[in-house]
Amino acid sequence: MSADFVLRPSVATDAAWIAELRAVVMRPDLERLQRFDPVRVRERFLNGFQPEHTYVIHSDGVDAGVIAIRPEPDSRWIEHFYVAPAHQGRGLGSAVLHHVLSASLDERPFRLNVLQGSAARRLYERHGFVLESEDPIDVFMVAPVNP
């Protein structure tokens, strides 16, 4: 299933709604792990928001999600990848992830972390991500560079 979307660069004024989206999307996993704090979940995003590395997913006439790609010397980190609940389950996240992974000419691998037990892990595995390391809370994954 493919979804129509446009990635637009984020701007500083996107921070508040992205922080709220993060809180909504992450709440079930954070509660399951007994780590949900309604203030901290928003503050962690706001304190590290880098609009220059963040893209808003615009689909069906609305801002439906967000994805950040933070460059590091040896890899690119996919961070803050959230799709609003009303837009989940229709292939949007998969389409965005496929676009990001396939559109890059950069040779550095993509890395990300996902919470233990999160359904998002299956999405990443379907797109070639493999386990790199894990602890009781986080699962770190890498998508090896295609030859």
Protein backbone atom coordinates (compact mmCIF):
# COMPACT_ATOMS: atom_id res chain seq x y z
CA MET A 1 0.00 0.00 0.00
CA SER A 2 1.39 3.39 -0.86
CA ALA A 3 0.40 6.73 0.57
CA ASP A 4 0.61 10.17 -0.98
CA PHE A 5 2.64 12.63 1.05
CA VAL A 6 5.01 15.55 0.84
CA LEU A 7 7.89 16.18 3.22
CA ARG A 8 8.21 19.84 4.04
CA PRO A 9 11.07 21.33 6.05
CA SER A 10 9.98 22.12 9.58
CA VAL A 11 10.20 25.56 11.10
CA ALA A 12 10.63 26.64 14.71
CA THR A 13 6.89 27.22 15.12
CA ASP A 14 6.26 23.50 14.47
CA ALA A 15 7.88 22.59 17.79
CA ALA A 16 4.80 22.73 20.02
CA TRP A 17 2.53 20.53 17.91
CA ILE A 18 5.35 18.05 17.24
CA ALA A 19 5.99 17.79 20.99
CA GLU A 20 2.28 17.10 21.49
CA LEU A 21 2.27 14.50 18.69
CA ARG A 22 5.28 12.82 20.31
CA ALA A 23 3.46 12.62 23.63
CA VAL A 24 0.35 11.09 22.05
CA VAL A 25 2.21 8.57 19.88
CA MET A 26 4.72 7.47 22.51
CA ARG A 27 2.34 7.35 25.47
CA PRO A 28 1.18 3.70 25.13
CA ASP A 29 4.75 2.34 24.91
CA LEU A 30 6.05 4.62 27.65
CA GLU A 31 3.16 3.68 29.93
CA ARG A 32 3.75 -0.03 29.25
CA LEU A 33 7.40 0.50 30.26
CA GLN A 34 6.29 2.60 33.27
CA ARG A 35 8.26 5.59 31.90
CA PHE A 36 5.51 8.03 30.89
CA ASP A 37 5.84 11.52 32.30
CA PRO A 38 3.54 14.01 30.55
CA VAL A 39 5.94 16.92 31.06
CA ARG A 40 9.19 15.11 30.35
CA VAL A 41 7.94 13.49 27.11
CA ARG A 42 7.33 16.96 25.67
CA GLU A 43 10.39 18.65 27.18
CA ARG A 44 12.79 16.04 25.81
CA PHE A 45 11.65 16.90 22.31
CA LEU A 46 11.54 20.67 22.83
CA ASN A 47 15.02 20.76 24.38
CA GLY A 48 16.58 18.97 21.41
CA PHE A 49 14.42 20.15 18.49
CA GLN A 50 16.53 20.79 15.40
CA PRO A 51 14.20 22.17 12.72
CA GLU A 52 17.00 22.06 10.14
CA HIS A 53 16.99 18.24 10.33
CA THR A 54 13.23 17.74 10.73
CA TYR A 55 10.55 17.25 8.08
CA VAL A 56 6.80 17.45 8.46
CA ILE A 57 4.81 14.71 6.72
CA HIS A 58 1.94 16.41 4.90
CA SER A 59 -0.77 14.01 3.71
CA ASP A 60 -4.51 14.20 3.02
CA GLY A 61 -4.33 17.99 3.26
CA VAL A 62 -2.94 18.08 6.81
CA ASP A 63 0.31 17.75 8.71
CA ALA A 64 0.09 14.05 9.56
CA GLY A 65 3.47 13.34 11.10
CA VAL A 66 7.13 14.13 11.35
CA ILE A 67 10.54 12.59 10.76
CA ALA A 68 14.00 13.89 11.62
CA ILE A 69 17.26 12.75 10.05
CA ARG A 70 20.22 13.87 12.15
CA PRO A 71 23.62 13.55 10.49
CA GLU A 72 26.57 12.22 12.44
CA PRO A 73 30.08 11.65 11.06
CA ASP A 74 29.59 7.88 10.66
CA SER A 75 25.79 7.51 10.32
CA ARG A 76 22.43 9.23 9.98
CA TRP A 77 19.97 8.94 12.83
CA ILE A 78 16.26 8.67 12.15
CA GLU A 79 14.63 10.38 15.09
CA HIS A 80 11.22 11.70 16.04
CA PHE A 81 9.42 9.59 13.46
CA TYR A 82 5.77 9.91 14.47
CA VAL A 83 2.59 9.48 12.46
CA ALA A 84 -0.61 10.84 13.99
CA PRO A 85 -2.94 8.04 15.12
CA ALA A 86 -5.63 9.09 12.61
CA HIS A 87 -3.12 8.46 9.80
CA GLN A 88 -1.66 5.18 11.06
CA GLY A 89 -2.40 1.81 9.51
CA ARG A 90 -2.68 3.11 5.94
CA GLY A 91 0.92 2.71 4.80
CA LEU A 92 2.00 6.30 5.39
CA GLY A 93 4.85 5.46 7.78
CA SER A 94 6.09 2.73 5.47
CA ALA A 95 5.95 5.03 2.44
CA VAL A 96 7.85 7.79 4.24
CA LEU A 97 10.50 5.39 5.54
CA HIS A 98 10.95 3.83 2.09
CA HIS A 99 11.31 7.30 0.56
CA VAL A 100 13.92 8.41 3.09
CA LEU A 101 15.95 5.21 2.77
CA SER A 102 15.84 5.04 -1.03
CA ALA A 103 16.26 8.73 -1.85
CA SER A 104 19.68 9.03 -0.24
CA LEU A 105 22.97 8.85 -2.10
CA ASP A 106 24.85 9.13 1.19
CA GLU A 107 26.94 6.06 2.07
CA ARG A 108 26.49 6.33 5.83
CA PRO A 109 24.11 3.80 7.39
CA PHE A 110 20.85 4.85 9.00
CA ARG A 111 20.46 4.20 12.71
CA LEU A 112 17.54 4.58 15.09
CA ASN A 113 16.26 3.47 18.42
CA VAL A 114 12.81 2.22 19.28
CA LEU A 115 11.28 1.38 22.64
CA GLN A 116 11.23 -2.27 23.71
CA GLY A 117 8.00 -3.94 22.65
CA SER A 118 6.98 -1.18 20.25
CA ALA A 119 5.07 -2.24 17.14
CA ALA A 120 7.27 0.22 15.21
CA ARG A 121 10.12 -2.28 15.41
CA ARG A 122 8.35 -4.51 12.86
CA LEU A 123 8.12 -1.57 10.45
CA TYR A 124 11.85 -0.98 10.72
CA GLU A 125 12.65 -4.67 10.30
CA ARG A 126 10.53 -4.81 7.13
CA HIS A 127 12.71 -2.00 5.77
CA GLY A 128 16.00 -3.79 6.44
CA PHE A 129 16.90 -2.56 9.91
CA VAL A 130 18.63 -5.11 12.12
CA LEU A 131 19.34 -5.23 15.83
CA GLU A 132 22.54 -3.48 16.86
CA SER A 133 22.10 -3.49 20.65
CA GLU A 134 19.39 -3.30 23.26
CA ASP A 135 18.75 -2.67 26.92
CA PRO A 136 15.59 -3.01 29.03
CA ILE A 137 14.10 0.19 27.53
CA ASP A 138 15.68 0.84 24.11
CA VAL A 139 16.38 -1.22 20.99
CA PHE A 140 19.08 0.25 18.73
CA MET A 141 18.87 -0.73 15.08
CA VAL A 142 20.90 -0.10 11.93
CA ALA A 143 20.05 -0.36 8.25
CA PRO A 144 23.20 -1.60 6.53
CA VAL A 145 24.27 0.40 3.50
CA ASN A 146 23.18 -1.28 0.27
CA PRO A 147 26.12 -2.31 -1.92
